[in-house]
Protein backbone atom coordinates (compact mmCIF):
# COMPACT_ATOMS: atom_id res chain seq x y z
CA MET A 1 -37.73 -89.67 14.86
CA SER A 2 -38.37 -87.53 17.94
CA ASP A 3 -36.60 -88.14 21.26
CA HIS A 4 -36.98 -86.59 24.71
CA GLN A 5 -34.19 -84.14 25.44
CA ARG A 6 -33.34 -81.97 28.45
CA PHE A 7 -30.84 -79.16 28.95
CA SER A 8 -30.82 -77.48 32.36
CA GLY A 9 -28.36 -75.35 34.30
CA SER A 10 -26.55 -72.02 34.30
CA LEU A 11 -23.25 -70.48 33.26
CA GLN A 12 -21.55 -67.45 34.77
CA PHE A 13 -19.44 -65.03 32.73
CA GLU A 14 -16.49 -62.97 33.89
CA ASP A 15 -17.58 -59.85 32.05
CA ALA A 16 -20.00 -58.49 29.48
CA VAL A 17 -17.68 -59.31 26.58
CA GLY A 18 -17.59 -63.02 27.39
CA LEU A 19 -21.36 -63.12 27.83
CA GLU A 20 -21.95 -61.41 24.51
CA LEU A 21 -19.51 -63.63 22.63
CA GLY A 22 -21.18 -66.69 24.15
CA LEU A 23 -24.65 -65.58 23.09
CA ASP A 24 -23.36 -64.89 19.59
CA ALA A 25 -22.04 -68.46 19.47
CA LEU A 26 -25.24 -70.00 20.84
CA PHE A 27 -27.60 -68.20 18.48
CA GLY A 28 -25.33 -67.60 15.51
CA GLY A 29 -25.94 -70.85 13.62
CA ASP A 30 -27.52 -71.15 10.19
CA GLU A 31 -28.32 -74.87 10.23
CA PRO A 32 -31.37 -76.18 8.35
CA GLU A 33 -34.54 -76.36 10.45
CA ASN A 34 -34.36 -80.09 11.21
CA ASP A 35 -30.81 -79.66 12.53
CA ARG A 36 -31.44 -76.41 14.40
CA CYS A 37 -30.44 -75.92 18.05
CA VAL A 38 -33.45 -76.70 20.27
CA VAL A 39 -32.57 -73.98 22.79
CA MET A 40 -34.28 -70.77 21.67
CA LEU A 41 -34.28 -67.28 23.14
CA PRO A 42 -37.33 -67.93 25.35
CA ASN A 43 -35.42 -70.83 26.95
CA VAL A 44 -32.71 -68.58 28.37
CA ARG A 45 -32.87 -66.07 31.21
CA LEU A 46 -30.22 -63.55 32.21
CA ASP A 47 -29.41 -62.30 35.69
CA ARG A 48 -27.73 -59.06 34.73
CA ALA A 49 -26.21 -58.37 38.15
CA THR A 50 -24.23 -61.63 38.24
CA ARG A 51 -23.93 -62.16 34.46
CA THR A 52 -25.49 -65.60 34.91
CA LEU A 53 -27.25 -67.18 31.97
CA ALA A 54 -29.77 -69.90 32.89
CA ILE A 55 -30.93 -72.46 30.30
CA GLU A 56 -34.06 -74.58 30.69
CA PHE A 57 -35.32 -76.80 27.88
CA GLU A 58 -37.22 -80.08 28.01
CA GLY A 59 -39.15 -81.63 25.13
CA ASN A 60 -39.20 -84.02 22.21
CA ARG A 61 -36.96 -83.15 19.27
CA GLY A 62 -35.06 -84.92 16.50
CA GLY A 63 -31.80 -86.73 17.19
CA GLU A 64 -29.87 -84.49 14.79
CA GLN A 65 -30.88 -81.48 16.87
CA TRP A 66 -29.43 -83.08 20.00
CA TYR A 67 -25.93 -83.00 18.54
CA THR A 68 -26.33 -79.47 17.19
CA THR A 69 -27.59 -78.22 20.55
CA ARG A 70 -24.76 -79.84 22.50
CA ALA A 71 -22.28 -78.27 20.11
CA ARG A 72 -23.89 -74.83 20.42
CA ILE A 73 -24.02 -74.94 24.22
CA GLY A 74 -20.43 -76.16 24.17
CA GLU A 75 -19.50 -73.05 22.19
CA LEU A 76 -21.36 -70.92 24.75
CA ALA A 77 -19.55 -72.65 27.63
CA GLY A 78 -16.28 -71.83 25.93
CA PHE A 79 -16.74 -68.20 26.98
CA ALA A 80 -18.06 -68.88 30.51
CA ALA A 81 -16.00 -68.59 33.69
CA SER A 82 -17.98 -71.16 35.68
CA GLY A 83 -21.16 -73.20 35.76
CA VAL A 84 -22.56 -76.34 34.21
CA ILE A 85 -25.45 -77.42 31.97
CA GLU A 86 -26.87 -80.85 32.80
CA THR A 87 -28.18 -82.89 29.87
CA ALA A 88 -30.36 -85.98 29.41
CA TYR A 89 -31.54 -87.98 26.41
CA ASP A 90 -34.61 -90.23 26.57
CA GLY A 91 -34.54 -89.98 30.37
CA GLN A 92 -30.89 -91.05 30.65
CA PRO A 93 -28.31 -88.60 32.08
CA CYS A 94 -25.61 -87.66 29.57
CA PRO A 95 -22.25 -85.92 30.02
CA SER A 96 -22.76 -82.41 31.34
CA ILE A 97 -21.42 -79.34 29.57
CA GLU A 98 -19.09 -77.40 31.86
CA ALA A 99 -17.71 -73.88 31.59
CA ASP A 100 -14.35 -73.83 29.81
CA PRO A 101 -13.24 -70.30 28.84
CA ARG A 102 -11.07 -71.48 25.97
CA TYR A 103 -12.42 -68.99 23.38
CA TYR A 104 -12.42 -65.85 25.46
CA LYS A 105 -10.88 -62.74 23.96
CA GLN A 106 -11.43 -59.02 24.33
CA ARG A 107 -13.21 -57.03 21.63
CA PRO A 108 -15.65 -54.09 21.50
CA LEU A 109 -19.19 -54.83 22.69
CA HIS A 110 -22.06 -54.67 20.21
CA ARG A 111 -24.64 -54.98 23.06
CA ARG A 112 -27.52 -56.23 20.88
CA TRP A 113 -28.27 -58.91 23.49
CA ASP A 114 -28.63 -56.19 26.12
CA ALA A 115 -31.45 -54.70 24.06
CA TYR A 116 -33.20 -58.09 23.90
CA PHE A 117 -33.07 -58.85 27.63
CA ALA A 118 -33.87 -55.26 28.62
CA ALA A 119 -36.97 -55.11 26.41
CA ARG A 120 -38.10 -58.57 27.51
CA ALA A 121 -37.73 -57.58 31.19
CA GLY A 122 -39.45 -54.23 30.69
CA ASP A 123 -36.30 -52.46 31.94
CA ALA A 124 -36.44 -48.93 30.50
CA ALA A 125 -33.39 -47.71 32.46
CA TRP A 126 -31.24 -50.45 30.92
CA LEU A 127 -32.46 -49.58 27.43
CA ARG A 128 -31.58 -45.91 27.94
CA GLU A 129 -27.95 -46.95 28.45
CA LEU A 130 -27.79 -48.39 24.94
CA ASP A 131 -27.13 -46.84 21.55
CA ARG A 132 -30.39 -45.76 19.89
CA ALA A 133 -29.55 -47.82 16.79
CA LEU A 134 -29.75 -51.03 18.86
CA LEU A 135 -33.32 -50.41 19.94
CA ALA A 136 -34.78 -51.44 16.58
CA THR A 137 -33.03 -54.83 16.59
CA THR A 138 -34.86 -57.92 15.33
CA TYR A 139 -33.97 -61.25 16.95
CA GLU A 140 -33.98 -64.68 15.38
CA SER A 141 -34.10 -68.03 17.24
CA PHE A 142 -37.40 -67.06 18.88
CA TYR A 143 -39.40 -70.30 18.77
CA GLY A 144 -38.18 -72.03 15.64
CA ALA A 145 -37.72 -69.86 12.57
CA ASN A 146 -39.67 -66.94 14.07
CA THR A 147 -38.12 -63.57 14.75
CA ILE A 148 -39.20 -60.94 17.25
CA THR A 149 -38.59 -57.20 17.61
CA THR A 150 -37.76 -55.14 20.69
CA MET A 151 -41.15 -53.42 20.35
CA HIS A 152 -42.94 -56.78 20.43
CA LEU A 153 -40.93 -57.80 23.49
CA ALA A 154 -41.91 -54.56 25.24
CA ALA A 155 -45.56 -55.19 24.38
CA THR A 156 -45.51 -58.70 25.87
CA ALA A 157 -43.77 -57.30 28.97
CA ASP A 158 -46.68 -54.81 29.23
CA SER A 159 -44.19 -51.98 29.77
CA ALA A 160 -45.46 -48.54 28.74
CA GLU A 161 -42.15 -46.97 29.76
CA VAL A 162 -40.08 -49.24 27.50
CA ILE A 163 -42.44 -48.52 24.61
CA GLU A 164 -41.98 -44.79 25.18
CA VAL A 165 -38.19 -45.23 25.14
CA LEU A 166 -38.37 -47.20 21.88
CA VAL A 167 -40.73 -44.72 20.23
CA ALA A 168 -38.45 -41.83 21.26
CA ALA A 169 -35.59 -43.72 19.57
CA GLY A 170 -37.58 -43.86 16.33
CA VAL A 171 -38.98 -47.39 16.56
CA ALA A 172 -42.45 -47.59 15.02
CA ALA A 173 -45.33 -48.65 17.28
CA ASP A 174 -46.39 -51.04 14.52
CA ALA A 175 -42.84 -52.29 13.88
CA PRO A 176 -43.35 -55.26 11.52
CA SER A 177 -42.74 -58.69 13.01
CA PRO A 178 -43.41 -62.23 11.73
CA MET A 179 -45.27 -62.74 15.00
CA GLY A 180 -47.84 -60.09 14.09
CA PRO A 181 -48.31 -56.49 15.26
CA PRO A 182 -46.95 -55.83 18.78
CA ILE A 183 -50.32 -54.55 20.00
CA ALA A 184 -51.84 -58.01 19.42
CA ASP A 185 -49.81 -59.35 22.38
CA ALA A 186 -49.83 -56.23 24.54
CA GLY A 187 -51.21 -55.93 28.06
CA PRO A 188 -53.35 -52.94 29.08
CA ASN A 189 -50.42 -50.63 29.94
CA ALA A 190 -48.58 -51.42 26.71
CA THR A 191 -51.81 -51.12 24.71
CA ARG A 192 -52.39 -47.56 25.95
CA ALA A 193 -48.79 -46.62 25.12
CA LEU A 194 -48.91 -48.22 21.68
CA LEU A 195 -52.22 -46.56 20.80
CA ALA A 196 -50.83 -43.20 21.94
CA ALA A 197 -47.82 -43.81 19.66
CA GLY A 198 -50.06 -44.48 16.65
CA ALA A 199 -50.51 -48.26 16.63
CA ASP A 200 -53.43 -49.45 14.49
CA PRO A 201 -56.24 -50.96 16.64
CA ASN A 202 -57.54 -52.66 13.50
CA GLY A 203 -54.40 -54.65 12.71
CA ALA A 204 -54.56 -58.35 11.81
CA GLU A 205 -56.29 -60.32 14.60
CA VAL A 206 -55.64 -57.55 17.14
CA LEU A 207 -59.19 -57.41 18.49
CA LEU A 208 -59.57 -61.19 18.27
CA SER A 209 -56.42 -61.65 20.37
CA ALA A 210 -57.78 -59.23 22.98
CA CYS A 211 -61.07 -61.13 23.19
CA LYS A 212 -59.17 -64.29 24.08
CA ARG A 213 -57.75 -62.70 27.24
CA PRO A 214 -59.08 -63.56 30.72
CA THR A 215 -60.25 -59.96 31.15
CA ASP A 216 -61.86 -57.57 28.68
CA ASP A 217 -59.86 -54.41 29.52
CA VAL A 218 -57.60 -54.58 26.43
CA ALA A 219 -60.56 -55.20 24.11
CA ARG A 220 -62.36 -52.16 25.56
CA LEU A 221 -59.27 -49.99 25.04
CA LEU A 222 -59.15 -51.09 21.40
CA LEU A 223 -62.87 -50.41 20.91
CA ASP A 224 -62.48 -46.95 22.44
CA ALA A 225 -59.65 -46.34 19.96
CA GLY A 226 -61.89 -47.21 17.00
CA ALA A 227 -61.40 -50.94 16.56
CA VAL A 228 -64.15 -52.66 14.56
CA VAL A 229 -65.02 -56.32 14.18
CA LYS A 230 -64.09 -57.62 10.75
CA PRO A 231 -66.73 -59.82 9.08
CA ASP A 232 -64.27 -62.71 8.67
CA GLU A 233 -63.66 -62.63 12.45
CA TYR A 234 -67.31 -62.57 13.60
CA LEU A 235 -67.46 -66.25 14.48
CA ALA A 236 -63.98 -66.45 16.04
CA ILE A 237 -64.64 -63.38 18.21
CA ALA A 238 -68.08 -64.65 19.23
CA CYS A 239 -66.56 -67.98 20.31
CA ALA A 240 -63.72 -66.23 22.16
CA CYS A 241 -66.12 -63.99 24.09
CA ALA A 242 -68.54 -66.83 24.84
CA GLY A 243 -65.81 -69.15 26.08
CA GLY A 244 -63.93 -66.36 27.86
CA ARG A 245 -66.99 -65.24 29.87
CA HIS A 246 -67.16 -61.80 28.23
CA LEU A 247 -70.93 -61.29 28.16
CA GLU A 248 -70.79 -57.49 28.03
CA LEU A 249 -68.46 -57.61 25.01
CA LEU A 250 -70.90 -59.97 23.28
CA ARG A 251 -73.72 -57.51 23.93
CA VAL A 252 -71.66 -54.65 22.48
CA PHE A 253 -70.72 -56.59 19.35
CA ALA A 254 -74.28 -57.90 18.91
CA ARG A 255 -75.54 -54.36 18.31
CA ASP A 256 -74.41 -55.06 14.76
CA PRO A 257 -77.13 -57.30 13.24
CA ALA A 258 -74.55 -59.03 11.05
CA PHE A 259 -72.54 -60.02 14.13
CA ALA A 260 -75.68 -60.98 16.06
CA ALA A 261 -76.55 -63.43 13.28
CA VAL A 262 -73.55 -65.65 14.14
CA LEU A 263 -74.65 -66.07 17.76
CA VAL A 264 -76.94 -68.92 16.69
CA ASP A 265 -73.96 -70.93 15.40
CA ALA A 266 -73.59 -74.15 17.40
CA ARG A 267 -69.89 -73.47 17.94
CA VAL A 268 -70.61 -70.30 19.89
CA ILE A 269 -72.92 -71.91 22.46
CA ALA A 270 -70.55 -74.89 22.67
CA ALA A 271 -67.77 -72.45 23.64
CA ALA A 272 -70.05 -70.87 26.24
CA ILE A 273 -70.87 -74.27 27.76
CA GLU A 274 -67.18 -75.13 27.86
CA GLY A 275 -66.49 -71.80 29.59
CA GLY A 276 -69.08 -72.67 32.24
CA GLU A 277 -70.83 -69.26 32.30
CA LEU A 278 -74.56 -70.05 32.42
CA VAL A 279 -75.66 -66.46 31.94
CA ILE A 280 -73.92 -66.46 28.55
CA VAL A 281 -75.58 -69.77 27.62
CA ASP A 282 -78.95 -68.25 28.54
CA TYR A 283 -78.15 -65.08 26.59
CA LEU A 284 -77.33 -67.10 23.48
CA LEU A 285 -80.52 -69.12 23.86
CA GLU A 286 -82.43 -65.84 23.98
CA GLN A 287 -80.77 -64.86 20.69
CA GLY A 288 -82.11 -68.03 19.05
CA ALA A 289 -79.23 -70.47 19.62
CA THR A 290 -80.00 -74.09 20.47
CA LEU A 291 -78.07 -76.49 22.65
CA PRO A 292 -75.77 -78.74 20.59
CA ASP A 293 -76.53 -82.48 20.57
CA PRO A 294 -73.59 -83.42 22.83
CA HIS A 295 -74.98 -81.00 25.41
CA ALA A 296 -78.69 -81.84 25.62
CA VAL A 297 -80.82 -79.97 28.13
CA ALA A 298 -80.38 -82.80 30.66
CA SER A 299 -76.61 -82.27 30.69
CA ARG A 300 -76.77 -78.58 31.60
CA PRO A 301 -76.16 -79.18 35.34
CA LYS A 302 -72.58 -80.14 34.45
CA PRO A 303 -71.37 -76.55 33.70
CA ALA A 304 -73.58 -75.38 36.57
CA LYS A 305 -71.74 -77.65 39.01
CA LYS A 306 -68.39 -76.50 37.68
CA LEU A 307 -69.46 -72.88 38.02
CA ALA A 308 -70.74 -73.45 41.55
CA LYS A 309 -67.34 -74.80 42.61
CA THR A 310 -65.17 -72.19 40.94
CA ARG A 311 -67.34 -69.07 41.17
CA PRO A 312 -70.09 -69.64 43.77
CA ALA A 313 -71.33 -66.04 43.88
CA LYS A 314 -71.66 -65.92 40.10
CA ALA A 315 -73.38 -69.31 40.05
CA LYS A 316 -75.90 -68.22 42.69
CA LYS A 317 -76.68 -65.07 40.73
CA ALA A 318 -77.08 -67.05 37.48
CA LYS A 319 -79.36 -69.57 39.18
CA LYS A 320 -81.49 -66.79 40.69
CA ALA A 321 -81.81 -65.04 37.32
CA THR A 322 -82.82 -68.28 35.58
CA LYS A 323 -85.37 -69.04 38.31
CA ALA A 324 -86.89 -65.56 38.08
CA LYS A 325 -87.13 -65.86 34.30
CA LYS A 326 -88.94 -69.22 34.57
CA ALA A 327 -91.34 -67.81 37.19
CA LYS A 328 -92.12 -64.84 34.97
CA LYS A 329 -92.79 -67.12 32.00
CA ALA A 330 -95.03 -69.39 34.12
CA LYS A 331 -96.97 -66.38 35.43
CA LYS A 332 -97.49 -65.13 31.91
CA ALA A 333 -98.71 -68.58 30.78
CA THR A 334 -101.16 -68.73 33.72
CA LYS A 335 -102.61 -65.34 32.84
CA ALA A 336 -103.04 -66.43 29.21
CA THR A 337 -104.87 -69.60 30.31
CA LYS A 338 -107.23 -67.63 32.59
CA ALA A 339 -107.95 -65.18 29.80
CA LYS A 340 -108.93 -68.02 27.45
CA LYS A 341 -111.32 -69.52 30.03
CA ARG A 342 -113.14 -66.23 30.32
């Protein structure tokens, strides 16, 4: 059974030792998956200056996890100097979890959590303060059973400087991670840094991931670095480009006849219609695609209206191009008719 749960609030810690001990307690469990704490690393944010840890989680989870999570946050609160975490179950407020520094004790810092938050924030200066051995740390409790590396965190933060610090410390640009190669989630700045450090532009789903972005800058960086479209990704990449309004990328990929052959697949033009870019729909029709049944010719004004509202300049240009194409075709047909009469 799944029930709606909410944990929201913040805890402040007297010093770095208390904060570190608390994080160890929160994320140190080895419960089976169905009993696992629902608060994961992405649900916490650290204000380093005030040593304040904020927790925000809201979603449906199993009842067993509710008790585990309360216990884990209670352990965390046992090292905090002040603060409170409000809780609710199925929309009903439940007893809050207040700071109660009953477990606090001094001990040497291991600082592995510093490496996590510094890499996630793209803070190269903070990372330089840490022991080099910490910079290759892998973190669990990142969305379920997944783990993530500092290099992957730096890639998602799109921080070239953090990547350079990690590489200088001996961390591989393609540091293995259950979440895939870091470059698959990198922004343009991180992509340049990772490629310069030797990351493989042809890693698993790297180019496909780039084609799903709102802009095509990362995909172009990968292509310039030697990325090639794998045959088993032709259709997925074609759909991503068509739906993501990347006409120029489609043209580049279609230079390969094998890739061009998938442009007639109904799923590609369906993605283009969903994306609302009429010039891509027209391009696919020119390549031999046909409009899918749910989107008969009569229904084509729908994406046109959407496009006109969201991107009027683009819509006007697309309409003008379509009109000119029809006029050219009509002129050609008229000439052919006149020639026959003669």
